[in-house]
PDB file of N, CA and C in Angstrom:
ATOM      1  N   UNK A   1     100.340 108.926 114.854  1.00  0.00           N
ATOM      2  CA  UNK A   1      99.336 107.936 115.195  1.00  0.00           C
ATOM      3  C   UNK A   1      97.949 108.592 115.139  1.00  0.00           C
ATOM      4  N   UNK A   2      96.992 107.880 114.571  1.00  0.00           N
ATOM      5  CA  UNK A   2      95.633 108.408 114.433  1.00  0.00           C
ATOM      6  C   UNK A   2      94.945 108.462 115.790  1.00  0.00           C
ATOM      7  N   UNK A   3      94.288 109.593 116.080  1.00  0.00           N
ATOM      8  CA  UNK A   3      93.587 109.732 117.358  1.00  0.00           C
ATOM      9  C   UNK A   3      92.352 108.839 117.360  1.00  0.00           C
ATOM     10  N   UNK A   4      91.867 108.545 118.557  1.00  0.00           N
ATOM     11  CA  UNK A   4      90.643 107.763 118.672  1.00  0.00           C
ATOM     12  C   UNK A   4      89.480 108.578 118.122  1.00  0.00           C
ATOM     13  N   UNK A   5      88.676 107.939 117.313  1.00  0.00           N
ATOM     14  CA  UNK A   5      87.532 108.618 116.721  1.00  0.00           C
ATOM     15  C   UNK A   5      86.301 108.439 117.595  1.00  0.00           C
ATOM     16  N   UNK A   6      85.461 109.451 117.641  1.00  0.00           N
ATOM     17  CA  UNK A   6      84.189 109.327 118.352  1.00  0.00           C
ATOM     18  C   UNK A   6      83.267 108.446 117.500  1.00  0.00           C
ATOM     19  N   UNK A   7      82.201 107.906 118.086  1.00  0.00           N
ATOM     20  CA  UNK A   7      81.310 107.024 117.327  1.00  0.00           C
ATOM     21  C   UNK A   7      80.802 107.635 116.021  1.00  0.00           C
ATOM     22  N   UNK A   8      80.450 108.907 116.030  1.00  0.00           N
ATOM     23  CA  UNK A   8      79.936 109.551 114.811  1.00  0.00           C
ATOM     24  C   UNK A   8      81.004 109.582 113.726  1.00  0.00           C
ATOM     25  N   UNK A   9      82.258 109.845 114.115  1.00  0.00           N
ATOM     26  CA  UNK A   9      83.351 109.869 113.142  1.00  0.00           C
ATOM     27  C   UNK A   9      83.611 108.477 112.578  1.00  0.00           C
ATOM     28  N   UNK A  10      83.502 107.437 113.417  1.00  0.00           N
ATOM     29  CA  UNK A  10      83.678 106.061 112.945  1.00  0.00           C
ATOM     30  C   UNK A  10      82.609 105.697 111.925  1.00  0.00           C
ATOM     31  N   UNK A  11      81.367 106.061 112.224  1.00  0.00           N
ATOM     32  CA  UNK A  11      80.260 105.787 111.302  1.00  0.00           C
ATOM     33  C   UNK A  11      80.468 106.549 109.995  1.00  0.00           C
ATOM     34  N   UNK A  12      80.837 107.809 110.085  1.00  0.00           N
ATOM     35  CA  UNK A  12      81.063 108.622 108.884  1.00  0.00           C
ATOM     36  C   UNK A  12      82.185 108.046 108.031  1.00  0.00           C
ATOM     37  N   UNK A  13      83.246 107.595 108.679  1.00  0.00           N
ATOM     38  CA  UNK A  13      84.378 107.007 107.959  1.00  0.00           C
ATOM     39  C   UNK A  13      83.952 105.720 107.251  1.00  0.00           C
ATOM     40  N   UNK A  14      83.208 104.864 107.940  1.00  0.00           N
ATOM     41  CA  UNK A  14      82.740 103.613 107.340  1.00  0.00           C
ATOM     42  C   UNK A  14      81.829 103.894 106.150  1.00  0.00           C
ATOM     43  N   UNK A  15      80.954 104.879 106.281  1.00  0.00           N
ATOM     44  CA  UNK A  15      80.042 105.221 105.180  1.00  0.00           C
ATOM     45  C   UNK A  15      80.806 105.809 103.992  1.00  0.00           C
ATOM     46  N   UNK A  16      81.826 106.627 104.259  1.00  0.00           N
ATOM     47  CA  UNK A  16      82.639 107.180 103.166  1.00  0.00           C
ATOM     48  C   UNK A  16      83.325 106.070 102.393  1.00  0.00           C
ATOM     49  N   UNK A  17      83.919 105.099 103.114  1.00  0.00           N
ATOM     50  CA  UNK A  17      84.576 103.978 102.449  1.00  0.00           C
ATOM     51  C   UNK A  17      83.569 103.153 101.654  1.00  0.00           C
ATOM     52  N   UNK A  18      82.385 102.913 102.228  1.00  0.00           N
ATOM     53  CA  UNK A  18      81.351 102.153 101.527  1.00  0.00           C
ATOM     54  C   UNK A  18      81.030 102.825 100.191  1.00  0.00           C
ATOM     55  N   UNK A  19      80.772 104.116 100.224  1.00  0.00           N
ATOM     56  CA  UNK A  19      80.393 104.839  99.007  1.00  0.00           C
ATOM     57  C   UNK A  19      81.539 104.911  98.005  1.00  0.00           C
ATOM     58  N   UNK A  20      82.769 105.085  98.492  1.00  0.00           N
ATOM     59  CA  UNK A  20      83.923 105.166  97.612  1.00  0.00           C
ATOM     60  C   UNK A  20      84.142 103.831  96.884  1.00  0.00           C
ATOM     61  N   UNK A  21      84.136 102.739  97.633  1.00  0.00           N
ATOM     62  CA  UNK A  21      84.343 101.424  97.028  1.00  0.00           C
ATOM     63  C   UNK A  21      83.186 101.080  96.102  1.00  0.00           C
ATOM     64  N   UNK A  22      81.962 101.413  96.508  1.00  0.00           N
ATOM     65  CA  UNK A  22      80.790 101.150  95.677  1.00  0.00           C
ATOM     66  C   UNK A  22      80.942 101.823  94.316  1.00  0.00           C
ATOM     67  N   UNK A  23      81.349 103.091  94.305  1.00  0.00           N
ATOM     68  CA  UNK A  23      81.510 103.819  93.042  1.00  0.00           C
ATOM     69  C   UNK A  23      82.586 103.188  92.172  1.00  0.00           C
ATOM     70  N   UNK A  24      83.684 102.738  92.794  1.00  0.00           N
ATOM     71  CA  UNK A  24      84.753 102.091  92.035  1.00  0.00           C
ATOM     72  C   UNK A  24      84.262 100.789  91.411  1.00  0.00           C
ATOM     73  N   UNK A  25      83.541  99.989  92.180  1.00  0.00           N
ATOM     74  CA  UNK A  25      83.029  98.723  91.660  1.00  0.00           C
ATOM     75  C   UNK A  25      81.934  98.938  90.626  1.00  0.00           C
ATOM     76  N   UNK A  26      81.176  99.990  90.763  1.00  0.00           N
ATOM     77  CA  UNK A  26      80.103 100.278  89.818  1.00  0.00           C
ATOM     78  C   UNK A  26      80.652 100.439  88.405  1.00  0.00           C
ATOM     79  N   UNK A  27      81.793 101.079  88.284  1.00  0.00           N
ATOM     80  CA  UNK A  27      82.425 101.246  86.974  1.00  0.00           C
ATOM     81  C   UNK A  27      82.785  99.879  86.400  1.00  0.00           C
ATOM     82  N   UNK A  28      83.381  99.010  87.216  1.00  0.00           N
ATOM     83  CA  UNK A  28      83.742  97.671  86.756  1.00  0.00           C
ATOM     84  C   UNK A  28      82.504  96.837  86.447  1.00  0.00           C
ATOM     85  N   UNK A  29      81.492  96.957  87.247  1.00  0.00           N
ATOM     86  CA  UNK A  29      80.278  96.165  87.077  1.00  0.00           C
ATOM     87  C   UNK A  29      79.581  96.516  85.776  1.00  0.00           C
ATOM     88  N   UNK A  30      79.578  97.774  85.422  1.00  0.00           N
ATOM     89  CA  UNK A  30      78.933  98.157  84.172  1.00  0.00           C
ATOM     90  C   UNK A  30      79.594  97.458  82.994  1.00  0.00           C
ATOM     91  N   UNK A  31      80.886  97.202  83.091  1.00  0.00           N
ATOM     92  CA  UNK A  31      81.584  96.494  82.029  1.00  0.00           C
ATOM     93  C   UNK A  31      81.345  94.991  82.109  1.00  0.00           C
ATOM     94  N   UNK A  32      81.286  94.436  83.322  1.00  0.00           N
ATOM     95  CA  UNK A  32      81.183  92.987  83.511  1.00  0.00           C
ATOM     96  C   UNK A  32      79.753  92.491  83.706  1.00  0.00           C
ATOM     97  N   UNK A  33      78.808  93.404  83.946  1.00  0.00           N
ATOM     98  CA  UNK A  33      77.404  93.048  84.178  1.00  0.00           C
ATOM     99  C   UNK A  33      77.203  92.205  85.438  1.00  0.00           C
ATOM    100  N   UNK A  34      77.952  92.520  86.473  1.00  0.00           N
ATOM    101  CA  UNK A  34      77.799  91.837  87.762  1.00  0.00           C
ATOM    102  C   UNK A  34      76.770  92.607  88.575  1.00  0.00           C
ATOM    103  N   UNK A  35      75.965  91.876  89.357  1.00  0.00           N
ATOM    104  CA  UNK A  35      74.959  92.542  90.176  1.00  0.00           C
ATOM    105  C   UNK A  35      75.334  92.474  91.647  1.00  0.00           C
ATOM    106  N   UNK A  36      74.585  93.165  92.463  1.00  0.00           N
ATOM    107  CA  UNK A  36      74.726  93.202  93.926  1.00  0.00           C
ATOM    108  C   UNK A  36      76.093  93.688  94.367  1.00  0.00           C
ATOM    109  N   UNK A  37      76.468  94.828  93.872  1.00  0.00           N
ATOM    110  CA  UNK A  37      77.729  95.455  94.244  1.00  0.00           C
ATOM    111  C   UNK A  37      77.764  95.731  95.740  1.00  0.00           C
ATOM    112  N   UNK A  38      76.616  96.120  96.302  1.00  0.00           N
ATOM    113  CA  UNK A  38      76.565  96.470  97.719  1.00  0.00           C
ATOM    114  C   UNK A  38      77.007  95.314  98.603  1.00  0.00           C
ATOM    115  N   UNK A  39      76.678  94.073  98.215  1.00  0.00           N
ATOM    116  CA  UNK A  39      77.114  92.911  98.996  1.00  0.00           C
ATOM    117  C   UNK A  39      78.630  92.728  98.906  1.00  0.00           C
ATOM    118  N   UNK A  40      79.182  92.959  97.726  1.00  0.00           N
ATOM    119  CA  UNK A  40      80.635  92.863  97.560  1.00  0.00           C
ATOM    120  C   UNK A  40      81.351  93.909  98.412  1.00  0.00           C
ATOM    121  N   UNK A  41      80.820  95.119  98.427  1.00  0.00           N
ATOM    122  CA  UNK A  41      81.428  96.195  99.219  1.00  0.00           C
ATOM    123  C   UNK A  41      81.384  95.839 100.697  1.00  0.00           C
ATOM    124  N   UNK A  42      80.234  95.351 101.166  1.00  0.00           N
ATOM    125  CA  UNK A  42      80.097  94.968 102.576  1.00  0.00           C
ATOM    126  C   UNK A  42      81.122  93.899 102.951  1.00  0.00           C
ATOM    127  N   UNK A  43      81.284  92.898 102.098  1.00  0.00           N
ATOM    128  CA  UNK A  43      82.247  91.828 102.389  1.00  0.00           C
ATOM    129  C   UNK A  43      83.679  92.371 102.430  1.00  0.00           C
ATOM    130  N   UNK A  44      84.006  93.276 101.522  1.00  0.00           N
ATOM    131  CA  UNK A  44      85.350  93.873 101.524  1.00  0.00           C
ATOM    132  C   UNK A  44      85.603  94.639 102.819  1.00  0.00           C
ATOM    133  N   UNK A  45      84.637  95.443 103.225  1.00  0.00           N
ATOM    134  CA  UNK A  45      84.800  96.216 104.455  1.00  0.00           C
ATOM    135  C   UNK A  45      84.848  95.304 105.675  1.00  0.00           C
ATOM    136  N   UNK A  46      84.069  94.245 105.654  1.00  0.00           N
ATOM    137  CA  UNK A  46      84.068  93.293 106.768  1.00  0.00           C
ATOM    138  C   UNK A  46      85.426  92.598 106.880  1.00  0.00           C
ATOM    139  N   UNK A  47      85.994  92.199 105.750  1.00  0.00           N
ATOM    140  CA  UNK A  47      87.306  91.543 105.741  1.00  0.00           C
ATOM    141  C   UNK A  47      88.405  92.471 106.248  1.00  0.00           C
ATOM    142  N   UNK A  48      88.248  93.773 106.042  1.00  0.00           N
ATOM    143  CA  UNK A  48      89.238  94.760 106.486  1.00  0.00           C
ATOM    144  C   UNK A  48      88.918  95.323 107.876  1.00  0.00           C
ATOM    145  N   UNK A  49      87.945  94.716 108.568  1.00  0.00           N
ATOM    146  CA  UNK A  49      87.511  95.173 109.896  1.00  0.00           C
ATOM    147  C   UNK A  49      87.125  96.652 109.901  1.00  0.00           C
ATOM    148  N   UNK A  50      86.443  97.081 108.856  1.00  0.00           N
ATOM    149  CA  UNK A  50      86.003  98.472 108.738  1.00  0.00           C
ATOM    150  C   UNK A  50      84.554  98.663 109.192  1.00  0.00           C
ATOM    151  N   UNK A  51      83.886  97.585 109.576  1.00  0.00           N
ATOM    152  CA  UNK A  51      82.511  97.697 110.068  1.00  0.00           C
ATOM    153  C   UNK A  51      82.543  98.200 111.511  1.00  0.00           C
ATOM    154  N   UNK A  52      81.554  98.990 111.891  1.00  0.00           N
ATOM    155  CA  UNK A  52      81.478  99.531 113.250  1.00  0.00           C
ATOM    156  C   UNK A  52      80.175  99.087 113.906  1.00  0.00           C
ATOM    157  N   UNK A  53      80.141  99.147 115.231  1.00  0.00           N
ATOM    158  CA  UNK A  53      78.957  98.751 116.004  1.00  0.00           C
ATOM    159  C   UNK A  53      78.511  97.335 115.632  1.00  0.00           C
ATOM    160  N   UNK A  54      79.435  96.396 115.673  1.00  0.00           N
ATOM    161  CA  UNK A  54      79.146  95.043 115.203  1.00  0.00           C
ATOM    162  C   UNK A  54      78.424  94.172 116.224  1.00  0.00           C
ATOM    163  N   UNK A  55      78.301  94.631 117.467  1.00  0.00           N
ATOM    164  CA  UNK A  55      77.564  93.868 118.477  1.00  0.00           C
ATOM    165  C   UNK A  55      76.079  94.149 118.335  1.00  0.00           C
ATOM    166  N   UNK A  56      75.271  93.085 118.433  1.00  0.00           N
ATOM    167  CA  UNK A  56      73.825  93.253 118.355  1.00  0.00           C
ATOM    168  C   UNK A  56      73.357  94.025 119.578  1.00  0.00           C
ATOM    169  N   UNK A  57      72.486  94.999 119.389  1.00  0.00           N
ATOM    170  CA  UNK A  57      72.029  95.829 120.501  1.00  0.00           C
ATOM    171  C   UNK A  57      70.576  96.217 120.298  1.00  0.00           C
ATOM    172  N   UNK A  58      69.964  96.585 121.397  1.00  0.00           N
ATOM    173  CA  UNK A  58      68.613  97.134 121.367  1.00  0.00           C
ATOM    174  C   UNK A  58      68.728  98.588 121.792  1.00  0.00           C
ATOM    175  N   UNK A  59      68.115  99.481 121.050  1.00  0.00           N
ATOM    176  CA  UNK A  59      68.163 100.891 121.409  1.00  0.00           C
ATOM    177  C   UNK A  59      69.095 101.684 120.518  1.00  0.00           C
ATOM    178  N   UNK A  60      69.653 102.722 121.081  1.00  0.00           N
ATOM    179  CA  UNK A  60      70.494 103.658 120.344  1.00  0.00           C
ATOM    180  C   UNK A  60      71.747 102.980 119.800  1.00  0.00           C
ATOM    181  N   UNK A  61      72.118 103.326 118.568  1.00  0.00           N
ATOM    182  CA  UNK A  61      73.352 102.833 117.955  1.00  0.00           C
ATOM    183  C   UNK A  61      74.328 104.003 117.926  1.00  0.00           C
ATOM    184  N   UNK A  62      75.488 103.864 118.590  1.00  0.00           N
ATOM    185  CA  UNK A  62      76.449 104.971 118.645  1.00  0.00           C
ATOM    186  C   UNK A  62      76.840 105.474 117.255  1.00  0.00           C
ATOM    187  N   UNK A  63      76.782 106.782 117.086  1.00  0.00           N
ATOM    188  CA  UNK A  63      77.193 107.398 115.829  1.00  0.00           C
ATOM    189  C   UNK A  63      76.088 107.544 114.800  1.00  0.00           C
ATOM    190  N   UNK A  64      74.916 106.999 115.076  1.00  0.00           N
ATOM    191  CA  UNK A  64      73.785 107.104 114.160  1.00  0.00           C
ATOM    192  C   UNK A  64      72.821 108.149 114.713  1.00  0.00           C
ATOM    193  N   UNK A  65      72.408 109.062 113.873  1.00  0.00           N
ATOM    194  CA  UNK A  65      71.475 110.105 114.286  1.00  0.00           C
ATOM    195  C   UNK A  65      70.128 109.913 113.595  1.00  0.00           C
ATOM    196  N   UNK A  66      69.074 110.339 114.261  1.00  0.00           N
ATOM    197  CA  UNK A  66      67.755 110.329 113.637  1.00  0.00           C
ATOM    198  C   UNK A  66      67.833 111.200 112.387  1.00  0.00           C
ATOM    199  N   UNK A  67      67.358 110.682 111.284  1.00  0.00           N
ATOM    200  CA  UNK A  67      67.395 111.428 110.030  1.00  0.00           C
ATOM    201  C   UNK A  67      68.514 111.001 109.100  1.00  0.00           C
ATOM    202  N   UNK A  68      69.478 110.194 109.587  1.00  0.00           N
ATOM    203  CA  UNK A  68      70.511 109.672 108.694  1.00  0.00           C
ATOM    204  C   UNK A  68      69.828 108.831 107.619  1.00  0.00           C
ATOM    205  N   UNK A  69      70.254 109.000 106.385  1.00  0.00           N
ATOM    206  CA  UNK A  69      69.642 108.280 105.271  1.00  0.00           C
ATOM    207  C   UNK A  69      70.628 107.284 104.685  1.00  0.00           C
ATOM    208  N   UNK A  70      70.099 106.120 104.324  1.00  0.00           N
ATOM    209  CA  UNK A  70      70.899 105.046 103.756  1.00  0.00           C
ATOM    210  C   UNK A  70      70.240 104.565 102.471  1.00  0.00           C
ATOM    211  N   UNK A  71      71.056 104.168 101.507  1.00  0.00           N
ATOM    212  CA  UNK A  71      70.514 103.672 100.248  1.00  0.00           C
ATOM    213  C   UNK A  71      70.384 102.152 100.240  1.00  0.00           C
ATOM    214  N   UNK A  72      71.206 101.457 101.009  1.00  0.00           N
ATOM    215  CA  UNK A  72      71.243  99.996 100.970  1.00  0.00           C
ATOM    216  C   UNK A  72      71.222  99.414 102.377  1.00  0.00           C
ATOM    217  N   UNK A  73      70.609  98.237 102.511  1.00  0.00           N
ATOM    218  CA  UNK A  73      70.643  97.531 103.795  1.00  0.00           C
ATOM    219  C   UNK A  73      72.076  97.187 104.163  1.00  0.00           C
ATOM    220  N   UNK A  74      72.888  96.894 103.157  1.00  0.00           N
ATOM    221  CA  UNK A  74      74.281  96.544 103.434  1.00  0.00           C
ATOM    222  C   UNK A  74      75.046  97.733 104.009  1.00  0.00           C
ATOM    223  N   UNK A  75      74.717  98.941 103.581  1.00  0.00           N
ATOM    224  CA  UNK A  75      75.339 100.137 104.162  1.00  0.00           C
ATOM    225  C   UNK A  75      74.930 100.259 105.630  1.00  0.00           C
ATOM    226  N   UNK A  76      73.670  99.943 105.920  1.00  0.00           N
ATOM    227  CA  UNK A  76      73.193  99.963 107.305  1.00  0.00           C
ATOM    228  C   UNK A  76      73.913  98.896 108.125  1.00  0.00           C
ATOM    229  N   UNK A  77      74.214  97.770 107.512  1.00  0.00           N
ATOM    230  CA  UNK A  77      74.921  96.691 108.196  1.00  0.00           C
ATOM    231  C   UNK A  77      76.347  97.104 108.552  1.00  0.00           C
ATOM    232  N   UNK A  78      77.004  97.821 107.664  1.00  0.00           N
ATOM    233  CA  UNK A  78      78.387  98.261 107.880  1.00  0.00           C
ATOM    234  C   UNK A  78      78.500  99.148 109.119  1.00  0.00           C
ATOM    235  N   UNK A  79      77.446  99.916 109.420  1.00  0.00           N
ATOM    236  CA  UNK A  79      77.483 100.813 110.575  1.00  0.00           C
ATOM    237  C   UNK A  79      76.744 100.250 111.784  1.00  0.00           C
ATOM    238  N   UNK A  80      76.278  99.000 111.707  1.00  0.00           N
ATOM    239  CA  UNK A  80      75.666  98.340 112.854  1.00  0.00           C
ATOM    240  C   UNK A  80      74.207  98.660 113.091  1.00  0.00           C
ATOM    241  N   UNK A  81      73.526  99.107 112.058  1.00  0.00           N
ATOM    242  CA  UNK A  81      72.121  99.475 112.206  1.00  0.00           C
ATOM    243  C   UNK A  81      71.172  98.372 111.752  1.00  0.00           C
ATOM    244  N   UNK A  82      71.665  97.438 110.937  1.00  0.00           N
ATOM    245  CA  UNK A  82      70.818  96.365 110.408  1.00  0.00           C
ATOM    246  C   UNK A  82      71.695  95.142 110.164  1.00  0.00           C
ATOM    247  N   UNK A  83      71.290  93.997 110.698  1.00  0.00           N
ATOM    248  CA  UNK A  83      72.119  92.799 110.557  1.00  0.00           C
ATOM    249  C   UNK A  83      71.531  91.762 109.614  1.00  0.00           C
ATOM    250  N   UNK A  84      70.238  91.778 109.378  1.00  0.00           N
ATOM    251  CA  UNK A  84      69.603  90.789 108.503  1.00  0.00           C
ATOM    252  C   UNK A  84      69.653  91.226 107.058  1.00  0.00           C
ATOM    253  N   UNK A  85      70.760  90.967 106.384  1.00  0.00           N
ATOM    254  CA  UNK A  85      70.961  91.448 105.021  1.00  0.00           C
ATOM    255  C   UNK A  85      69.930  90.873 104.055  1.00  0.00           C
ATOM    256  N   UNK A  86      69.651  89.599 104.164  1.00  0.00           N
ATOM    257  CA  UNK A  86      68.733  88.960 103.231  1.00  0.00           C
ATOM    258  C   UNK A  86      67.317  88.863 103.783  1.00  0.00           C
ATOM    259  N   UNK A  87      67.102  89.332 104.989  1.00  0.00           N
ATOM    260  CA  UNK A  87      65.772  89.223 105.585  1.00  0.00           C
ATOM    261  C   UNK A  87      65.194  90.613 105.828  1.00  0.00           C
ATOM    262  N   UNK A  88      64.056  90.644 106.451  1.00  0.00           N
ATOM    263  CA  UNK A  88      63.373  91.912 106.711  1.00  0.00           C
ATOM    264  C   UNK A  88      63.874  92.592 107.961  1.00  0.00           C
ATOM    265  N   UNK A  89      62.966  92.948 108.831  1.00  0.00           N
ATOM    266  CA  UNK A  89      63.279  93.694 110.043  1.00  0.00           C
ATOM    267  C   UNK A  89      63.985  92.800 111.053  1.00  0.00           C
ATOM    268  N   UNK A  90      65.036  93.333 111.694  1.00  0.00           N
ATOM    269  CA  UNK A  90      65.746  92.583 112.736  1.00  0.00           C
ATOM    270  C   UNK A  90      64.833  92.348 113.928  1.00  0.00           C
ATOM    271  N   UNK A  91      64.961  91.183 114.537  1.00  0.00           N
ATOM    272  CA  UNK A  91      64.242  90.908 115.777  1.00  0.00           C
ATOM    273  C   UNK A  91      65.059  89.891 116.568  1.00  0.00           C
ATOM    274  N   UNK A  92      64.765  89.746 117.839  1.00  0.00           N
ATOM    275  CA  UNK A  92      65.443  88.760 118.667  1.00  0.00           C
ATOM    276  C   UNK A  92      64.523  88.357 119.805  1.00  0.00           C
ATOM    277  N   UNK A  93      64.891  87.269 120.488  1.00  0.00           N
ATOM    278  CA  UNK A  93      64.077  86.793 121.594  1.00  0.00           C
ATOM    279  C   UNK A  93      64.510  87.455 122.890  1.00  0.00           C
ATOM    280  N   UNK A  94      63.535  87.813 123.704  1.00  0.00           N
ATOM    281  CA  UNK A  94      63.810  88.421 124.991  1.00  0.00           C
ATOM    282  C   UNK A  94      62.959  87.705 126.027  1.00  0.00           C
ATOM    283  N   UNK A  95      63.603  87.078 126.995  1.00  0.00           N
ATOM    284  CA  UNK A  95      62.906  86.329 128.041  1.00  0.00           C
ATOM    285  C   UNK A  95      61.977  85.271 127.447  1.00  0.00           C
ATOM    286  N   UNK A  96      62.457  84.609 126.399  1.00  0.00           N
ATOM    287  CA  UNK A  96      61.696  83.519 125.806  1.00  0.00           C
ATOM    288  C   UNK A  96      60.563  83.937 124.893  1.00  0.00           C
ATOM    289  N   UNK A  97      60.372  85.223 124.701  1.00  0.00           N
ATOM    290  CA  UNK A  97      59.308  85.716 123.831  1.00  0.00           C
ATOM    291  C   UNK A  97      59.943  86.479 122.686  1.00  0.00           C
ATOM    292  N   UNK A  98      59.570  86.136 121.460  1.00  0.00           N
ATOM    293  CA  UNK A  98      60.143  86.835 120.320  1.00  0.00           C
ATOM    294  C   UNK A  98      59.469  88.190 120.175  1.00  0.00           C
ATOM    295  N   UNK A  99      60.295  89.255 120.130  1.00  0.00           N
ATOM    296  CA  UNK A  99      59.780  90.628 119.979  1.00  0.00           C
ATOM    297  C   UNK A  99      59.767  91.028 118.531  1.00  0.00           C
TER     298      UNK A  99
END
């Protein structure tokens, strides 16, 4: 049985799967001329419950360190760092005032 992973290991695992699937689809896309592979990868991982930190939060995101680099907003979404895939910066209302 697989041991419980710490938040950093969960994030690393999700990012590895994202990059692995992305590379596999990239080969197919070059032949089929399909765009937005990153969205397809995100949906696949979401369907397999491979996304982590899926609750909206303010502040620190478990498993994410300052300096971590991401190539796509969808990769950030998979690890719970960004939820607005088609929009800009995430925001929410707090005490009736939008921050």
